[in-house]
Amino acid sequence: MKTFLIIISILLIIIVLLQSNKAESGAQILSGGNSDLFSRRKERGAELFISRVTFTLGMIFFLVSLVMEFI
């Protein structure tokens, strides 16, 4: 079970690093720029897939962690 959790952790780290950089908005908040701060961008294609995989891996990580706690 621990091996499975380690594999999920590594996959989660990799997939998070593959996500697009959305920290530009955070930098604009600090610097006062607001050109694209409230724009609504929809995820499409590969970005949507990576977002869904990230959510799925996160949920699996959470559930495996809970199961390991109570076993």
PDB file of N, CA and C in Angstrom:
ATOM      1  N   MET A   1       0.827  -1.196   0.000  1.00  0.00           N
ATOM      2  CA  MET A   1       0.000   0.000   0.000  1.00  0.00           C
ATOM      3  C   MET A   1       0.872   1.262   0.000  1.00  0.00           C
ATOM      4  N   LYS A   2       1.994   1.196   0.739  1.00  0.00           N
ATOM      5  CA  LYS A   2       2.884   2.355   0.776  1.00  0.00           C
ATOM      6  C   LYS A   2       3.514   2.604  -0.586  1.00  0.00           C
ATOM      7  N   THR A   3       3.837   1.533  -1.293  1.00  0.00           N
ATOM      8  CA  THR A   3       4.419   1.672  -2.633  1.00  0.00           C
ATOM      9  C   THR A   3       3.431   2.350  -3.570  1.00  0.00           C
ATOM     10  N   PHE A   4       2.171   1.961  -3.489  1.00  0.00           N
ATOM     11  CA  PHE A   4       1.133   2.571  -4.313  1.00  0.00           C
ATOM     12  C   PHE A   4       1.001   4.060  -4.007  1.00  0.00           C
ATOM     13  N   LEU A   5       1.073   4.414  -2.729  1.00  0.00           N
ATOM     14  CA  LEU A   5       0.973   5.819  -2.329  1.00  0.00           C
ATOM     15  C   LEU A   5       2.166   6.624  -2.842  1.00  0.00           C
ATOM     16  N   ILE A   6       3.339   6.036  -2.825  1.00  0.00           N
ATOM     17  CA  ILE A   6       4.532   6.719  -3.341  1.00  0.00           C
ATOM     18  C   ILE A   6       4.418   6.936  -4.844  1.00  0.00           C
ATOM     19  N   ILE A   7       3.926   5.926  -5.562  1.00  0.00           N
ATOM     20  CA  ILE A   7       3.754   6.070  -7.015  1.00  0.00           C
ATOM     21  C   ILE A   7       2.741   7.160  -7.328  1.00  0.00           C
ATOM     22  N   ILE A   8       1.620   7.179  -6.609  1.00  0.00           N
ATOM     23  CA  ILE A   8       0.610   8.228  -6.814  1.00  0.00           C
ATOM     24  C   ILE A   8       1.192   9.602  -6.497  1.00  0.00           C
ATOM     25  N   SER A   9       2.005   9.691  -5.455  1.00  0.00           N
ATOM     26  CA  SER A   9       2.617  10.966  -5.073  1.00  0.00           C
ATOM     27  C   SER A   9       3.527  11.488  -6.174  1.00  0.00           C
ATOM     28  N   ILE A  10       4.350  10.604  -6.722  1.00  0.00           N
ATOM     29  CA  ILE A  10       5.272  11.012  -7.788  1.00  0.00           C
ATOM     30  C   ILE A  10       4.501  11.427  -9.031  1.00  0.00           C
ATOM     31  N   LEU A  11       3.467  10.665  -9.399  1.00  0.00           N
ATOM     32  CA  LEU A  11       2.642  11.036 -10.550  1.00  0.00           C
ATOM     33  C   LEU A  11       1.934  12.369 -10.332  1.00  0.00           C
ATOM     34  N   LEU A  12       1.481  12.603  -9.115  1.00  0.00           N
ATOM     35  CA  LEU A  12       0.805  13.866  -8.800  1.00  0.00           C
ATOM     36  C   LEU A  12       1.764  15.041  -8.918  1.00  0.00           C
ATOM     37  N   ILE A  13       2.976  14.878  -8.435  1.00  0.00           N
ATOM     38  CA  ILE A  13       3.984  15.946  -8.543  1.00  0.00           C
ATOM     39  C   ILE A  13       4.285  16.239 -10.005  1.00  0.00           C
ATOM     40  N   ILE A  14       4.463  15.192 -10.809  1.00  0.00           N
ATOM     41  CA  ILE A  14       4.777  15.380 -12.224  1.00  0.00           C
ATOM     42  C   ILE A  14       3.646  16.079 -12.952  1.00  0.00           C
ATOM     43  N   ILE A  15       2.420  15.659 -12.707  1.00  0.00           N
ATOM     44  CA  ILE A  15       1.283  16.235 -13.428  1.00  0.00           C
ATOM     45  C   ILE A  15       1.035  17.688 -13.006  1.00  0.00           C
ATOM     46  N   VAL A  16       1.305  18.016 -11.756  1.00  0.00           N
ATOM     47  CA  VAL A  16       1.153  19.408 -11.313  1.00  0.00           C
ATOM     48  C   VAL A  16       2.206  20.287 -11.980  1.00  0.00           C
ATOM     49  N   LEU A  17       3.403  19.766 -12.140  1.00  0.00           N
ATOM     50  CA  LEU A  17       4.449  20.536 -12.810  1.00  0.00           C
ATOM     51  C   LEU A  17       4.161  20.734 -14.290  1.00  0.00           C
ATOM     52  N   LEU A  18       3.348  19.868 -14.884  1.00  0.00           N
ATOM     53  CA  LEU A  18       2.996  20.000 -16.296  1.00  0.00           C
ATOM     54  C   LEU A  18       1.883  21.013 -16.540  1.00  0.00           C
ATOM     55  N   GLN A  19       1.190  21.418 -15.504  1.00  0.00           N
ATOM     56  CA  GLN A  19       0.078  22.347 -15.680  1.00  0.00           C
ATOM     57  C   GLN A  19       0.570  23.713 -16.146  1.00  0.00           C
ATOM     58  N   SER A  20      -0.311  24.419 -16.830  1.00  0.00           N
ATOM     59  CA  SER A  20       0.039  25.742 -17.325  1.00  0.00           C
ATOM     60  C   SER A  20       0.229  26.708 -16.165  1.00  0.00           C
ATOM     61  N   ASN A  21       1.026  27.718 -16.412  1.00  0.00           N
ATOM     62  CA  ASN A  21       1.349  28.685 -15.372  1.00  0.00           C
ATOM     63  C   ASN A  21       0.196  29.668 -15.205  1.00  0.00           C
ATOM     64  N   LYS A  22      -0.485  29.595 -14.075  1.00  0.00           N
ATOM     65  CA  LYS A  22      -1.583  30.513 -13.796  1.00  0.00           C
ATOM     66  C   LYS A  22      -1.193  31.501 -12.696  1.00  0.00           C
ATOM     67  N   ALA A  23       0.084  31.563 -12.368  1.00  0.00           N
ATOM     68  CA  ALA A  23       0.549  32.437 -11.308  1.00  0.00           C
ATOM     69  C   ALA A  23       0.683  33.879 -11.779  1.00  0.00           C
ATOM     70  N   GLU A  24       0.461  34.115 -13.065  1.00  0.00           N
ATOM     71  CA  GLU A  24       0.546  35.485 -13.569  1.00  0.00           C
ATOM     72  C   GLU A  24      -0.472  36.381 -12.881  1.00  0.00           C
ATOM     73  N   SER A  25      -1.651  35.849 -12.613  1.00  0.00           N
ATOM     74  CA  SER A  25      -2.694  36.627 -11.946  1.00  0.00           C
ATOM     75  C   SER A  25      -2.268  37.006 -10.540  1.00  0.00           C
ATOM     76  N   GLY A  26      -1.614  36.077  -9.845  1.00  0.00           N
ATOM     77  CA  GLY A  26      -1.132  36.358  -8.501  1.00  0.00           C
ATOM     78  C   GLY A  26      -0.099  37.460  -8.500  1.00  0.00           C
ATOM     79  N   ALA A  27       0.770  37.467  -9.486  1.00  0.00           N
ATOM     80  CA  ALA A  27       1.780  38.520  -9.588  1.00  0.00           C
ATOM     81  C   ALA A  27       1.122  39.865  -9.892  1.00  0.00           C
ATOM     82  N   GLN A  28       0.079  39.843 -10.687  1.00  0.00           N
ATOM     83  CA  GLN A  28      -0.620  41.084 -11.007  1.00  0.00           C
ATOM     84  C   GLN A  28      -1.360  41.632  -9.797  1.00  0.00           C
ATOM     85  N   ILE A  29      -1.828  40.767  -8.927  1.00  0.00           N
ATOM     86  CA  ILE A  29      -2.497  41.231  -7.717  1.00  0.00           C
ATOM     87  C   ILE A  29      -1.509  41.981  -6.846  1.00  0.00           C
ATOM     88  N   LEU A  30      -0.318  41.423  -6.708  1.00  0.00           N
ATOM     89  CA  LEU A  30       0.696  42.059  -5.869  1.00  0.00           C
ATOM     90  C   LEU A  30       1.225  43.349  -6.472  1.00  0.00           C
ATOM     91  N   SER A  31       1.352  43.382  -7.806  1.00  0.00           N
ATOM     92  CA  SER A  31       1.925  44.567  -8.443  1.00  0.00           C
ATOM     93  C   SER A  31       0.879  45.615  -8.793  1.00  0.00           C
ATOM     94  N   GLY A  32      -0.399  45.262  -8.714  1.00  0.00           N
ATOM     95  CA  GLY A  32      -1.448  46.239  -8.970  1.00  0.00           C
ATOM     96  C   GLY A  32      -2.022  46.176 -10.363  1.00  0.00           C
ATOM     97  N   GLY A  33      -1.455  45.353 -11.252  1.00  0.00           N
ATOM     98  CA  GLY A  33      -1.995  45.231 -12.603  1.00  0.00           C
ATOM     99  C   GLY A  33      -3.269  44.416 -12.591  1.00  0.00           C
ATOM    100  N   ASN A  34      -4.221  44.807 -13.417  1.00  0.00           N
ATOM    101  CA  ASN A  34      -5.480  44.060 -13.437  1.00  0.00           C
ATOM    102  C   ASN A  34      -5.988  43.836 -14.854  1.00  0.00           C
ATOM    103  N   SER A  35      -5.097  43.757 -15.834  1.00  0.00           N
ATOM    104  CA  SER A  35      -5.544  43.631 -17.217  1.00  0.00           C
ATOM    105  C   SER A  35      -6.286  42.323 -17.469  1.00  0.00           C
ATOM    106  N   ASP A  36      -5.767  41.219 -16.986  1.00  0.00           N
ATOM    107  CA  ASP A  36      -6.424  39.929 -17.195  1.00  0.00           C
ATOM    108  C   ASP A  36      -6.827  39.277 -15.886  1.00  0.00           C
ATOM    109  N   LEU A  37      -6.941  40.056 -14.850  1.00  0.00           N
ATOM    110  CA  LEU A  37      -7.171  39.494 -13.524  1.00  0.00           C
ATOM    111  C   LEU A  37      -8.498  38.761 -13.434  1.00  0.00           C
ATOM    112  N   PHE A  38      -9.544  39.330 -14.005  1.00  0.00           N
ATOM    113  CA  PHE A  38     -10.870  38.733 -13.878  1.00  0.00           C
ATOM    114  C   PHE A  38     -11.350  38.096 -15.174  1.00  0.00           C
ATOM    115  N   SER A  39     -10.451  37.830 -16.091  1.00  0.00           N
ATOM    116  CA  SER A  39     -10.877  37.197 -17.338  1.00  0.00           C
ATOM    117  C   SER A  39     -11.222  35.742 -17.085  1.00  0.00           C
ATOM    118  N   ARG A  40     -12.199  35.259 -17.798  1.00  0.00           N
ATOM    119  CA  ARG A  40     -12.630  33.865 -17.627  1.00  0.00           C
ATOM    120  C   ARG A  40     -12.091  33.076 -18.804  1.00  0.00           C
ATOM    121  N   ARG A  41     -11.091  32.248 -18.525  1.00  0.00           N
ATOM    122  CA  ARG A  41     -10.526  31.397 -19.563  1.00  0.00           C
ATOM    123  C   ARG A  41     -10.983  29.968 -19.313  1.00  0.00           C
ATOM    124  N   LYS A  42     -11.511  29.350 -20.339  1.00  0.00           N
ATOM    125  CA  LYS A  42     -11.930  27.956 -20.220  1.00  0.00           C
ATOM    126  C   LYS A  42     -10.760  27.056 -20.576  1.00  0.00           C
ATOM    127  N   GLU A  43     -10.659  25.961 -19.832  1.00  0.00           N
ATOM    128  CA  GLU A  43      -9.640  24.981 -20.149  1.00  0.00           C
ATOM    129  C   GLU A  43     -10.126  24.145 -21.320  1.00  0.00           C
ATOM    130  N   ARG A  44      -9.232  23.886 -22.258  1.00  0.00           N
ATOM    131  CA  ARG A  44      -9.591  23.081 -23.416  1.00  0.00           C
ATOM    132  C   ARG A  44      -8.439  22.156 -23.755  1.00  0.00           C
ATOM    133  N   GLY A  45      -8.765  21.061 -24.377  1.00  0.00           N
ATOM    134  CA  GLY A  45      -7.769  20.139 -24.897  1.00  0.00           C
ATOM    135  C   GLY A  45      -6.903  19.517 -23.821  1.00  0.00           C
ATOM    136  N   ALA A  46      -5.589  19.643 -24.019  1.00  0.00           N
ATOM    137  CA  ALA A  46      -4.619  19.031 -23.114  1.00  0.00           C
ATOM    138  C   ALA A  46      -4.698  19.641 -21.719  1.00  0.00           C
ATOM    139  N   GLU A  47      -4.974  20.938 -21.645  1.00  0.00           N
ATOM    140  CA  GLU A  47      -5.078  21.604 -20.347  1.00  0.00           C
ATOM    141  C   GLU A  47      -6.228  21.039 -19.518  1.00  0.00           C
ATOM    142  N   LEU A  48      -7.347  20.771 -20.162  1.00  0.00           N
ATOM    143  CA  LEU A  48      -8.496  20.174 -19.480  1.00  0.00           C
ATOM    144  C   LEU A  48      -8.173  18.750 -19.026  1.00  0.00           C
ATOM    145  N   PHE A  49      -7.500  17.990 -19.883  1.00  0.00           N
ATOM    146  CA  PHE A  49      -7.117  16.623 -19.540  1.00  0.00           C
ATOM    147  C   PHE A  49      -6.184  16.603 -18.339  1.00  0.00           C
ATOM    148  N   ILE A  50      -5.177  17.466 -18.340  1.00  0.00           N
ATOM    149  CA  ILE A  50      -4.222  17.519 -17.228  1.00  0.00           C
ATOM    150  C   ILE A  50      -4.922  17.947 -15.945  1.00  0.00           C
ATOM    151  N   SER A  51      -5.864  18.860 -16.046  1.00  0.00           N
ATOM    152  CA  SER A  51      -6.613  19.296 -14.873  1.00  0.00           C
ATOM    153  C   SER A  51      -7.438  18.148 -14.287  1.00  0.00           C
ATOM    154  N   ARG A  52      -8.067  17.374 -15.138  1.00  0.00           N
ATOM    155  CA  ARG A  52      -8.870  16.241 -14.665  1.00  0.00           C
ATOM    156  C   ARG A  52      -8.003  15.141 -14.078  1.00  0.00           C
ATOM    157  N   VAL A  53      -6.852  14.884 -14.696  1.00  0.00           N
ATOM    158  CA  VAL A  53      -5.932  13.878 -14.162  1.00  0.00           C
ATOM    159  C   VAL A  53      -5.411  14.315 -12.801  1.00  0.00           C
ATOM    160  N   THR A  54      -5.117  15.607 -12.651  1.00  0.00           N
ATOM    161  CA  THR A  54      -4.649  16.133 -11.368  1.00  0.00           C
ATOM    162  C   THR A  54      -5.706  15.925 -10.287  1.00  0.00           C
ATOM    163  N   PHE A  55      -6.955  16.239 -10.611  1.00  0.00           N
ATOM    164  CA  PHE A  55      -8.033  16.057  -9.649  1.00  0.00           C
ATOM    165  C   PHE A  55      -8.186  14.586  -9.272  1.00  0.00           C
ATOM    166  N   THR A  56      -8.150  13.713 -10.277  1.00  0.00           N
ATOM    167  CA  THR A  56      -8.305  12.280 -10.028  1.00  0.00           C
ATOM    168  C   THR A  56      -7.171  11.737  -9.165  1.00  0.00           C
ATOM    169  N   LEU A  57      -5.933  12.089  -9.506  1.00  0.00           N
ATOM    170  CA  LEU A  57      -4.797  11.630  -8.710  1.00  0.00           C
ATOM    171  C   LEU A  57      -4.859  12.177  -7.286  1.00  0.00           C
ATOM    172  N   GLY A  58      -5.298  13.415  -7.141  1.00  0.00           N
ATOM    173  CA  GLY A  58      -5.442  13.999  -5.802  1.00  0.00           C
ATOM    174  C   GLY A  58      -6.465  13.261  -4.961  1.00  0.00           C
ATOM    175  N   MET A  59      -7.584  12.896  -5.579  1.00  0.00           N
ATOM    176  CA  MET A  59      -8.612  12.153  -4.857  1.00  0.00           C
ATOM    177  C   MET A  59      -8.127  10.751  -4.489  1.00  0.00           C
ATOM    178  N   ILE A  60      -7.421  10.101  -5.420  1.00  0.00           N
ATOM    179  CA  ILE A  60      -6.877   8.776  -5.122  1.00  0.00           C
ATOM    180  C   ILE A  60      -5.875   8.858  -3.982  1.00  0.00           C
ATOM    181  N   PHE A  61      -5.024   9.885  -4.008  1.00  0.00           N
ATOM    182  CA  PHE A  61      -4.039  10.080  -2.942  1.00  0.00           C
ATOM    183  C   PHE A  61      -4.737  10.266  -1.600  1.00  0.00           C
ATOM    184  N   PHE A  62      -5.765  11.092  -1.593  1.00  0.00           N
ATOM    185  CA  PHE A  62      -6.513  11.361  -0.373  1.00  0.00           C
ATOM    186  C   PHE A  62      -7.168  10.098   0.169  1.00  0.00           C
ATOM    187  N   LEU A  63      -7.831   9.350  -0.707  1.00  0.00           N
ATOM    188  CA  LEU A  63      -8.523   8.136  -0.284  1.00  0.00           C
ATOM    189  C   LEU A  63      -7.557   7.047   0.187  1.00  0.00           C
ATOM    190  N   VAL A  64      -6.433   6.877  -0.503  1.00  0.00           N
ATOM    191  CA  VAL A  64      -5.450   5.880  -0.086  1.00  0.00           C
ATOM    192  C   VAL A  64      -4.855   6.269   1.268  1.00  0.00           C
ATOM    193  N   SER A  65      -4.624   7.565   1.454  1.00  0.00           N
ATOM    194  CA  SER A  65      -4.104   8.028   2.738  1.00  0.00           C
ATOM    195  C   SER A  65      -5.087   7.738   3.882  1.00  0.00           C
ATOM    196  N   LEU A  66      -6.369   7.977   3.640  1.00  0.00           N
ATOM    197  CA  LEU A  66      -7.382   7.676   4.645  1.00  0.00           C
ATOM    198  C   LEU A  66      -7.459   6.184   4.942  1.00  0.00           C
ATOM    199  N   VAL A  67      -7.422   5.365   3.887  1.00  0.00           N
ATOM    200  CA  VAL A  67      -7.478   3.928   4.082  1.00  0.00           C
ATOM    201  C   VAL A  67      -6.261   3.439   4.877  1.00  0.00           C
ATOM    202  N   MET A  68      -5.097   3.972   4.569  1.00  0.00           N
ATOM    203  CA  MET A  68      -3.877   3.570   5.287  1.00  0.00           C
ATOM    204  C   MET A  68      -3.931   3.979   6.753  1.00  0.00           C
ATOM    205  N   GLU A  69      -4.594   5.073   7.047  1.00  0.00           N
ATOM    206  CA  GLU A  69      -4.712   5.545   8.439  1.00  0.00           C
ATOM    207  C   GLU A  69      -5.547   4.593   9.284  1.00  0.00           C
ATOM    208  N   PHE A  70      -6.601   4.055   8.694  1.00  0.00           N
ATOM    209  CA  PHE A  70      -7.532   3.239   9.468  1.00  0.00           C
ATOM    210  C   PHE A  70      -7.261   1.740   9.369  1.00  0.00           C
ATOM    211  N   ILE A  71      -6.250   1.358   8.637  1.00  0.00           N
ATOM    212  CA  ILE A  71      -5.915  -0.074   8.553  1.00  0.00           C
ATOM    213  C   ILE A  71      -4.811  -0.402   9.530  1.00  0.00           C
TER     214      ILE A  71
END
